[in-house]
Amino acid sequence: DALPILLYEVSDRILTITLNRPERLNVFSPVICQELIDAFSRADADDDVRVVIVTGAGRAFCAGADLDPKSGLFERYATERHVDPEAYRDLAGLITLKIYDLKKPVIAAINGPAVGVGITMTLAMDIRLAAENAKIGFVFARRGVVNEGASAWFLTRIVGIGKATEWLITGRVFGFQEALAHGLVTEVLSPDGLIPRAREIASEIAQNTSAVSVALCRQLIWKMLGADHPMEAHKIDSKAFRWSLQQADAREGVMSF
């Protein structure tokens, strides 16, 4: 492709990552997977990036996996038939687990259709906003495959087991109203209002919070989801709270208040 398939733009300490294959509805490929992982690694190491926004160019967010034989996707699966099943890892899961471990919060600005990997890749992101023209589908069962991206873990925690199961076993495509009603997205906006709203939220974080506090809060939430008892969260957040009180950010925060 002549155009870069991923745009990486930082302004006002906000990184916007744009999937940039609009003529193909930003379909997912092994190359896009690697570029996304590289982009998140770069963002995590850059102190000038406080928040990440992920969106798509054109009229789609991501219309799922690239089923064109030239994409390399099926070639990858064909050559990996010989890989030990215990060692095999699906591409979408490499992205969601990368995001899960990030120190930076991530906002998904779902600007249009988000299907298959196009929606599972957003499940580890912290905030999902959708445009009114967004269509969402966990369509795996309709393609004879299963949901990937560790989505069985993420989706049930976001929307509950009942709705997650229904979406996965029907594979149907649904609109923004249903996504909003079940908490998959937190806000729905006009297409023109989507990125400004994402930037407004990102600016709120970048201008008014401690980067270290945000990183710790984000990790405490994600990593405690599987804890057996609230005491596990109490132990670890007590350590984090005590440590944070001794840092310069806390002194600045109290003085500003």
C-alpha atoms as a PDB file:
ATOM      1  CA  ASP A   1       0.000   0.000   0.000  1.00  0.00           C
ATOM      2  CA  ALA A   2       1.190   3.518  -0.755  1.00  0.00           C
ATOM      3  CA  LEU A   3      -0.420   4.890   2.391  1.00  0.00           C
ATOM      4  CA  PRO A   4       0.784   3.932   5.875  1.00  0.00           C
ATOM      5  CA  ILE A   5      -1.705   1.416   7.261  1.00  0.00           C
ATOM      6  CA  LEU A   6      -1.497   3.001  10.703  1.00  0.00           C
ATOM      7  CA  LEU A   7      -1.350   6.731  11.460  1.00  0.00           C
ATOM      8  CA  TYR A   8       0.422   7.771  14.680  1.00  0.00           C
ATOM      9  CA  GLU A   9      -0.192  11.392  15.684  1.00  0.00           C
ATOM     10  CA  VAL A  10       0.603  13.051  19.029  1.00  0.00           C
ATOM     11  CA  SER A  11      -0.767  16.468  19.968  1.00  0.00           C
ATOM     12  CA  ASP A  12      -1.426  17.976  23.406  1.00  0.00           C
ATOM     13  CA  ARG A  13      -0.060  14.762  24.970  1.00  0.00           C
ATOM     14  CA  ILE A  14      -2.811  12.727  23.273  1.00  0.00           C
ATOM     15  CA  LEU A  15      -1.834  10.023  20.802  1.00  0.00           C
ATOM     16  CA  THR A  16      -4.337   9.192  18.077  1.00  0.00           C
ATOM     17  CA  ILE A  17      -3.785   5.846  16.348  1.00  0.00           C
ATOM     18  CA  THR A  18      -5.851   5.599  13.157  1.00  0.00           C
ATOM     19  CA  LEU A  19      -6.373   2.359  11.253  1.00  0.00           C
ATOM     20  CA  ASN A  20      -5.745   3.642   7.746  1.00  0.00           C
ATOM     21  CA  ARG A  21      -7.060   1.272   5.084  1.00  0.00           C
ATOM     22  CA  PRO A  22     -10.349   3.099   4.426  1.00  0.00           C
ATOM     23  CA  GLU A  23     -10.828   1.533   0.995  1.00  0.00           C
ATOM     24  CA  ARG A  24     -10.811  -1.911   2.696  1.00  0.00           C
ATOM     25  CA  LEU A  25     -12.855  -0.786   5.726  1.00  0.00           C
ATOM     26  CA  ASN A  26      -9.668  -1.056   7.838  1.00  0.00           C
ATOM     27  CA  VAL A  27      -9.708  -4.854   7.790  1.00  0.00           C
ATOM     28  CA  PHE A  28      -7.277  -6.612  10.115  1.00  0.00           C
ATOM     29  CA  SER A  29      -4.109  -8.366   8.952  1.00  0.00           C
ATOM     30  CA  PRO A  30      -0.881  -9.699  10.507  1.00  0.00           C
ATOM     31  CA  VAL A  31       0.867  -6.477   9.438  1.00  0.00           C
ATOM     32  CA  ILE A  32      -1.726  -4.274  11.178  1.00  0.00           C
ATOM     33  CA  CYS A  33      -1.447  -6.484  14.261  1.00  0.00           C
ATOM     34  CA  GLN A  34       2.319  -5.972  14.479  1.00  0.00           C
ATOM     35  CA  GLU A  35       2.037  -2.240  13.787  1.00  0.00           C
ATOM     36  CA  LEU A  36      -0.559  -1.835  16.557  1.00  0.00           C
ATOM     37  CA  ILE A  37       1.617  -3.716  19.047  1.00  0.00           C
ATOM     38  CA  ASP A  38       4.607  -1.566  18.065  1.00  0.00           C
ATOM     39  CA  ALA A  39       2.526   1.621  18.385  1.00  0.00           C
ATOM     40  CA  PHE A  40       1.311   0.702  21.882  1.00  0.00           C
ATOM     41  CA  SER A  41       4.890  -0.169  22.942  1.00  0.00           C
ATOM     42  CA  ARG A  42       6.104   3.189  21.642  1.00  0.00           C
ATOM     43  CA  ALA A  43       3.289   5.047  23.407  1.00  0.00           C
ATOM     44  CA  ASP A  44       3.901   3.265  26.705  1.00  0.00           C
ATOM     45  CA  ALA A  45       7.564   4.307  26.684  1.00  0.00           C
ATOM     46  CA  ASP A  46       6.859   7.939  25.753  1.00  0.00           C
ATOM     47  CA  ASP A  47       6.271  10.300  28.690  1.00  0.00           C
ATOM     48  CA  ASP A  48       4.797  12.841  26.271  1.00  0.00           C
ATOM     49  CA  VAL A  49       1.861  10.496  25.635  1.00  0.00           C
ATOM     50  CA  ARG A  50      -0.709  10.532  28.423  1.00  0.00           C
ATOM     51  CA  VAL A  51      -3.752   9.052  26.660  1.00  0.00           C
ATOM     52  CA  VAL A  52      -4.276   6.982  23.511  1.00  0.00           C
ATOM     53  CA  ILE A  53      -7.276   7.254  21.167  1.00  0.00           C
ATOM     54  CA  VAL A  54      -7.822   4.473  18.610  1.00  0.00           C
ATOM     55  CA  THR A  55     -10.105   5.092  15.627  1.00  0.00           C
ATOM     56  CA  GLY A  56     -10.528   4.223  11.949  1.00  0.00           C
ATOM     57  CA  ALA A  57     -10.168   6.226   8.743  1.00  0.00           C
ATOM     58  CA  GLY A  58     -13.171   6.524   6.453  1.00  0.00           C
ATOM     59  CA  ARG A  59     -16.566   5.013   7.196  1.00  0.00           C
ATOM     60  CA  ALA A  60     -15.526   1.963   9.262  1.00  0.00           C
ATOM     61  CA  PHE A  61     -13.641   1.326  12.470  1.00  0.00           C
ATOM     62  CA  CYS A  62     -12.544  -2.200  11.485  1.00  0.00           C
ATOM     63  CA  ALA A  63     -14.644  -4.644   9.474  1.00  0.00           C
ATOM     64  CA  GLY A  64     -12.931  -7.711  10.921  1.00  0.00           C
ATOM     65  CA  ALA A  65     -10.221  -9.971   9.564  1.00  0.00           C
ATOM     66  CA  ASP A  66      -8.912  -9.508   6.026  1.00  0.00           C
ATOM     67  CA  LEU A  67     -10.261 -12.562   4.191  1.00  0.00           C
ATOM     68  CA  ASP A  68      -8.325 -11.721   1.008  1.00  0.00           C
ATOM     69  CA  PRO A  69      -5.832 -14.548   0.316  1.00  0.00           C
ATOM     70  CA  LYS A  70      -3.128 -11.883  -0.173  1.00  0.00           C
ATOM     71  CA  SER A  71      -3.501 -10.599   3.396  1.00  0.00           C
ATOM     72  CA  GLY A  72      -1.250 -13.294   4.817  1.00  0.00           C
ATOM     73  CA  LEU A  73      -3.822 -14.276   7.426  1.00  0.00           C
ATOM     74  CA  PHE A  74      -4.753 -17.671   6.024  1.00  0.00           C
ATOM     75  CA  GLU A  75      -1.146 -18.295   5.050  1.00  0.00           C
ATOM     76  CA  ARG A  76      -0.199 -17.739   8.670  1.00  0.00           C
ATOM     77  CA  TYR A  77      -2.813 -20.215   9.870  1.00  0.00           C
ATOM     78  CA  ALA A  78      -1.809 -22.764   7.216  1.00  0.00           C
ATOM     79  CA  THR A  79       1.862 -22.634   8.151  1.00  0.00           C
ATOM     80  CA  GLU A  80       1.010 -22.755  11.838  1.00  0.00           C
ATOM     81  CA  ARG A  81      -0.848 -26.056  11.576  1.00  0.00           C
ATOM     82  CA  HIS A  82       2.453 -27.581  12.669  1.00  0.00           C
ATOM     83  CA  VAL A  83       2.866 -25.281  15.681  1.00  0.00           C
ATOM     84  CA  ASP A  84       2.313 -26.908  19.056  1.00  0.00           C
ATOM     85  CA  PRO A  85      -1.323 -26.072  19.973  1.00  0.00           C
ATOM     86  CA  GLU A  86      -0.134 -25.126  23.464  1.00  0.00           C
ATOM     87  CA  ALA A  87       2.259 -22.568  21.986  1.00  0.00           C
ATOM     88  CA  TYR A  88      -0.110 -21.036  19.407  1.00  0.00           C
ATOM     89  CA  ARG A  89      -1.456 -17.539  20.188  1.00  0.00           C
ATOM     90  CA  ASP A  90      -4.093 -15.725  18.149  1.00  0.00           C
ATOM     91  CA  LEU A  91      -3.270 -12.260  16.812  1.00  0.00           C
ATOM     92  CA  ALA A  92      -6.180 -10.391  18.424  1.00  0.00           C
ATOM     93  CA  GLY A  93      -5.173 -11.679  21.844  1.00  0.00           C
ATOM     94  CA  LEU A  94      -1.653 -10.337  21.380  1.00  0.00           C
ATOM     95  CA  ILE A  95      -3.225  -6.883  21.040  1.00  0.00           C
ATOM     96  CA  THR A  96      -5.708  -7.108  23.914  1.00  0.00           C
ATOM     97  CA  LEU A  97      -3.090  -8.453  26.315  1.00  0.00           C
ATOM     98  CA  LYS A  98      -0.700  -5.691  25.223  1.00  0.00           C
ATOM     99  CA  ILE A  99      -3.371  -3.101  26.047  1.00  0.00           C
ATOM    100  CA  TYR A 100      -4.200  -4.885  29.320  1.00  0.00           C
ATOM    101  CA  ASP A 101      -0.619  -4.309  30.498  1.00  0.00           C
ATOM    102  CA  LEU A 102      -0.327  -0.669  29.350  1.00  0.00           C
ATOM    103  CA  LYS A 103       0.414   2.202  31.694  1.00  0.00           C
ATOM    104  CA  LYS A 104      -1.635   4.584  29.521  1.00  0.00           C
ATOM    105  CA  PRO A 105      -5.442   4.695  29.289  1.00  0.00           C
ATOM    106  CA  VAL A 106      -6.941   3.920  25.886  1.00  0.00           C
ATOM    107  CA  ILE A 107     -10.149   5.322  24.368  1.00  0.00           C
ATOM    108  CA  ALA A 108     -11.801   3.536  21.451  1.00  0.00           C
ATOM    109  CA  ALA A 109     -13.562   5.972  19.102  1.00  0.00           C
ATOM    110  CA  ILE A 110     -15.690   3.519  17.118  1.00  0.00           C
ATOM    111  CA  ASN A 111     -16.516   5.566  14.029  1.00  0.00           C
ATOM    112  CA  GLY A 112     -18.411   2.906  12.052  1.00  0.00           C
ATOM    113  CA  PRO A 113     -18.718  -0.863  11.657  1.00  0.00           C
ATOM    114  CA  ALA A 114     -16.663  -2.823  14.211  1.00  0.00           C
ATOM    115  CA  VAL A 115     -17.002  -6.536  13.555  1.00  0.00           C
ATOM    116  CA  GLY A 116     -15.087  -9.607  14.737  1.00  0.00           C
ATOM    117  CA  VAL A 117     -11.555  -8.595  15.686  1.00  0.00           C
ATOM    118  CA  GLY A 118     -12.712  -5.027  15.008  1.00  0.00           C
ATOM    119  CA  ILE A 119     -14.681  -5.137  18.253  1.00  0.00           C
ATOM    120  CA  THR A 120     -12.722  -7.695  20.302  1.00  0.00           C
ATOM    121  CA  MET A 121      -9.559  -5.570  20.013  1.00  0.00           C
ATOM    122  CA  THR A 122     -11.390  -2.749  21.856  1.00  0.00           C
ATOM    123  CA  LEU A 123     -12.430  -4.834  24.862  1.00  0.00           C
ATOM    124  CA  ALA A 124      -9.208  -4.189  26.792  1.00  0.00           C
ATOM    125  CA  MET A 125      -9.538  -0.445  26.148  1.00  0.00           C
ATOM    126  CA  ASP A 126     -10.807   1.678  29.018  1.00  0.00           C
ATOM    127  CA  ILE A 127     -13.537   3.746  27.365  1.00  0.00           C
ATOM    128  CA  ARG A 128     -15.485   2.928  24.207  1.00  0.00           C
ATOM    129  CA  LEU A 129     -17.347   5.715  22.411  1.00  0.00           C
ATOM    130  CA  ALA A 130     -19.429   5.026  19.303  1.00  0.00           C
ATOM    131  CA  ALA A 131     -20.764   7.054  16.427  1.00  0.00           C
ATOM    132  CA  GLU A 132     -24.449   6.676  15.558  1.00  0.00           C
ATOM    133  CA  ASN A 133     -23.511   4.786  12.395  1.00  0.00           C
ATOM    134  CA  ALA A 134     -21.553   2.134  14.311  1.00  0.00           C
ATOM    135  CA  LYS A 135     -22.577  -1.478  13.749  1.00  0.00           C
ATOM    136  CA  ILE A 136     -21.111  -4.132  16.021  1.00  0.00           C
ATOM    137  CA  GLY A 137     -20.992  -7.884  15.666  1.00  0.00           C
ATOM    138  CA  PHE A 138     -19.235 -10.785  17.362  1.00  0.00           C
ATOM    139  CA  VAL A 139     -19.773 -12.761  14.161  1.00  0.00           C
ATOM    140  CA  PHE A 140     -17.387 -15.676  14.768  1.00  0.00           C
ATOM    141  CA  ALA A 141     -19.965 -18.465  14.989  1.00  0.00           C
ATOM    142  CA  ARG A 142     -21.365 -17.350  11.614  1.00  0.00           C
ATOM    143  CA  ARG A 143     -17.919 -17.879  10.072  1.00  0.00           C
ATOM    144  CA  GLY A 144     -17.389 -21.290  11.644  1.00  0.00           C
ATOM    145  CA  VAL A 145     -14.729 -20.062  14.085  1.00  0.00           C
ATOM    146  CA  VAL A 146     -14.723 -18.997  17.737  1.00  0.00           C
ATOM    147  CA  ASN A 147     -14.293 -15.655  19.449  1.00  0.00           C
ATOM    148  CA  GLU A 148     -10.661 -14.645  19.974  1.00  0.00           C
ATOM    149  CA  GLY A 149      -8.739 -11.800  21.583  1.00  0.00           C
ATOM    150  CA  ALA A 150      -9.349 -13.204  25.099  1.00  0.00           C
ATOM    151  CA  SER A 151     -12.869 -11.842  24.535  1.00  0.00           C
ATOM    152  CA  ALA A 152     -14.472 -14.597  26.628  1.00  0.00           C
ATOM    153  CA  TRP A 153     -12.659 -13.026  29.592  1.00  0.00           C
ATOM    154  CA  PHE A 154     -13.127  -9.348  28.717  1.00  0.00           C
ATOM    155  CA  LEU A 155     -16.658  -9.290  27.291  1.00  0.00           C
ATOM    156  CA  THR A 156     -18.304 -11.123  30.197  1.00  0.00           C
ATOM    157  CA  ARG A 157     -16.770  -8.621  32.618  1.00  0.00           C
ATOM    158  CA  ILE A 158     -18.015  -5.651  30.596  1.00  0.00           C
ATOM    159  CA  VAL A 159     -21.594  -6.698  29.759  1.00  0.00           C
ATOM    160  CA  GLY A 160     -22.262  -9.763  31.927  1.00  0.00           C
ATOM    161  CA  ILE A 161     -22.399 -13.421  30.985  1.00  0.00           C
ATOM    162  CA  GLY A 162     -25.986 -13.458  29.680  1.00  0.00           C
ATOM    163  CA  LYS A 163     -25.620 -10.744  27.043  1.00  0.00           C
ATOM    164  CA  ALA A 164     -22.077 -11.839  26.144  1.00  0.00           C
ATOM    165  CA  THR A 165     -23.299 -15.375  25.500  1.00  0.00           C
ATOM    166  CA  GLU A 166     -26.251 -14.225  23.404  1.00  0.00           C
ATOM    167  CA  TRP A 167     -24.078 -11.976  21.216  1.00  0.00           C
ATOM    168  CA  LEU A 168     -21.480 -14.718  20.737  1.00  0.00           C
ATOM    169  CA  ILE A 169     -23.774 -17.658  19.977  1.00  0.00           C
ATOM    170  CA  THR A 170     -26.055 -15.741  17.578  1.00  0.00           C
ATOM    171  CA  GLY A 171     -23.214 -13.855  15.891  1.00  0.00           C
ATOM    172  CA  ARG A 172     -25.712 -11.167  14.937  1.00  0.00           C
ATOM    173  CA  VAL A 173     -24.836  -7.582  14.103  1.00  0.00           C
ATOM    174  CA  PHE A 174     -26.446  -4.904  16.285  1.00  0.00           C
ATOM    175  CA  GLY A 175     -26.551  -1.129  16.509  1.00  0.00           C
ATOM    176  CA  PHE A 176     -25.398   1.545  18.910  1.00  0.00           C
ATOM    177  CA  GLN A 177     -28.604   1.500  21.004  1.00  0.00           C
ATOM    178  CA  GLU A 178     -28.016  -2.081  22.119  1.00  0.00           C
ATOM    179  CA  ALA A 179     -24.297  -1.498  22.672  1.00  0.00           C
ATOM    180  CA  LEU A 180     -25.113   1.519  24.847  1.00  0.00           C
ATOM    181  CA  ALA A 181     -27.914  -0.218  26.774  1.00  0.00           C
ATOM    182  CA  HIS A 182     -25.581  -3.013  27.881  1.00  0.00           C
ATOM    183  CA  GLY A 183     -22.536  -0.881  28.668  1.00  0.00           C
ATOM    184  CA  LEU A 184     -20.364  -2.034  25.780  1.00  0.00           C
ATOM    185  CA  VAL A 185     -20.051   1.644  24.847  1.00  0.00           C
ATOM    186  CA  THR A 186     -20.504   4.516  27.291  1.00  0.00           C
ATOM    187  CA  GLU A 187     -21.579   7.273  24.903  1.00  0.00           C
ATOM    188  CA  VAL A 188     -22.996   7.578  21.394  1.00  0.00           C
ATOM    189  CA  LEU A 189     -22.256  10.652  19.330  1.00  0.00           C
ATOM    190  CA  SER A 190     -22.813  12.087  15.875  1.00  0.00           C
ATOM    191  CA  PRO A 191     -20.072  11.065  13.432  1.00  0.00           C
ATOM    192  CA  ASP A 192     -18.715  14.624  13.528  1.00  0.00           C
ATOM    193  CA  GLY A 193     -18.814  14.748  17.318  1.00  0.00           C
ATOM    194  CA  LEU A 194     -16.994  11.469  18.000  1.00  0.00           C
ATOM    195  CA  ILE A 195     -13.322  12.513  17.846  1.00  0.00           C
ATOM    196  CA  PRO A 196     -13.900  15.893  19.555  1.00  0.00           C
ATOM    197  CA  ARG A 197     -15.576  14.057  22.454  1.00  0.00           C
ATOM    198  CA  ALA A 198     -12.770  11.482  22.621  1.00  0.00           C
ATOM    199  CA  ARG A 199     -10.233  14.325  22.729  1.00  0.00           C
ATOM    200  CA  GLU A 200     -12.277  16.131  25.389  1.00  0.00           C
ATOM    201  CA  ILE A 201     -12.131  13.077  27.660  1.00  0.00           C
ATOM    202  CA  ALA A 202      -8.455  12.525  26.856  1.00  0.00           C
ATOM    203  CA  SER A 203      -7.662  16.179  27.666  1.00  0.00           C
ATOM    204  CA  GLU A 204      -9.500  15.881  30.971  1.00  0.00           C
ATOM    205  CA  ILE A 205      -7.150  13.021  31.874  1.00  0.00           C
ATOM    206  CA  ALA A 206      -3.979  14.588  30.439  1.00  0.00           C
ATOM    207  CA  GLN A 207      -4.451  17.994  32.094  1.00  0.00           C
ATOM    208  CA  ASN A 208      -5.850  17.085  35.494  1.00  0.00           C
ATOM    209  CA  THR A 209      -4.376  13.780  36.632  1.00  0.00           C
ATOM    210  CA  SER A 210      -1.086  12.218  37.666  1.00  0.00           C
ATOM    211  CA  ALA A 211       0.315   9.840  35.033  1.00  0.00           C
ATOM    212  CA  VAL A 212       1.516   7.482  37.770  1.00  0.00           C
ATOM    213  CA  SER A 213      -1.871   7.524  39.524  1.00  0.00           C
ATOM    214  CA  VAL A 214      -3.696   6.763  36.274  1.00  0.00           C
ATOM    215  CA  ALA A 215      -1.322   3.881  35.498  1.00  0.00           C
ATOM    216  CA  LEU A 216      -1.785   2.386  38.963  1.00  0.00           C
ATOM    217  CA  CYS A 217      -5.584   2.898  39.029  1.00  0.00           C
ATOM    218  CA  ARG A 218      -5.900   1.243  35.629  1.00  0.00           C
ATOM    219  CA  GLN A 219      -3.786  -1.732  36.662  1.00  0.00           C
ATOM    220  CA  LEU A 220      -5.538  -2.135  40.020  1.00  0.00           C
ATOM    221  CA  ILE A 221      -8.902  -2.351  38.262  1.00  0.00           C
ATOM    222  CA  TRP A 222      -7.814  -4.838  35.589  1.00  0.00           C
ATOM    223  CA  LYS A 223      -5.596  -7.032  37.733  1.00  0.00           C
ATOM    224  CA  MET A 224      -8.072  -7.328  40.593  1.00  0.00           C
ATOM    225  CA  LEU A 225     -10.971  -8.522  38.412  1.00  0.00           C
ATOM    226  CA  GLY A 226     -10.073 -12.128  39.135  1.00  0.00           C
ATOM    227  CA  ALA A 227      -9.322 -11.733  42.837  1.00  0.00           C
ATOM    228  CA  ASP A 228     -10.976 -14.307  45.102  1.00  0.00           C
ATOM    229  CA  HIS A 229     -11.898 -11.826  47.831  1.00  0.00           C
ATOM    230  CA  PRO A 230     -11.985  -8.036  48.280  1.00  0.00           C
ATOM    231  CA  MET A 231      -9.176  -8.512  50.812  1.00  0.00           C
ATOM    232  CA  GLU A 232      -6.818  -9.184  47.876  1.00  0.00           C
ATOM    233  CA  ALA A 233      -7.671  -5.756  46.438  1.00  0.00           C
ATOM    234  CA  HIS A 234      -7.455  -4.192  49.904  1.00  0.00           C
ATOM    235  CA  LYS A 235      -3.913  -5.501  50.398  1.00  0.00           C
ATOM    236  CA  ILE A 236      -2.583  -4.286  47.075  1.00  0.00           C
ATOM    237  CA  ASP A 237      -4.359  -0.926  46.979  1.00  0.00           C
ATOM    238  CA  SER A 238      -3.209  -0.256  50.562  1.00  0.00           C
ATOM    239  CA  LYS A 239       0.397  -0.676  49.390  1.00  0.00           C
ATOM    240  CA  ALA A 240      -0.176   1.502  46.328  1.00  0.00           C
ATOM    241  CA  PHE A 241      -2.008   4.184  48.311  1.00  0.00           C
ATOM    242  CA  ARG A 242       0.682   4.341  50.988  1.00  0.00           C
ATOM    243  CA  TRP A 243       3.425   4.561  48.349  1.00  0.00           C
ATOM    244  CA  SER A 244       1.594   7.242  46.351  1.00  0.00           C
ATOM    245  CA  LEU A 245       1.110   9.435  49.443  1.00  0.00           C
ATOM    246  CA  GLN A 246       4.889   9.714  49.717  1.00  0.00           C
ATOM    247  CA  GLN A 247       5.355  10.975  46.139  1.00  0.00           C
ATOM    248  CA  ALA A 248       5.596  14.509  44.766  1.00  0.00           C
ATOM    249  CA  ASP A 249       2.384  14.085  42.743  1.00  0.00           C
ATOM    250  CA  ALA A 250       0.361  13.643  45.934  1.00  0.00           C
ATOM    251  CA  ARG A 251       1.873  16.759  47.506  1.00  0.00           C
ATOM    252  CA  GLU A 252       1.079  18.747  44.355  1.00  0.00           C
ATOM    253  CA  GLY A 253      -2.452  17.301  44.205  1.00  0.00           C
ATOM    254  CA  VAL A 254      -3.222  18.192  47.834  1.00  0.00           C
ATOM    255  CA  MET A 255      -1.733  21.687  47.492  1.00  0.00           C
ATOM    256  CA  SER A 256      -3.728  22.374  44.300  1.00  0.00           C
ATOM    257  CA  PHE A 257      -6.902  21.328  46.118  1.00  0.00           C
END
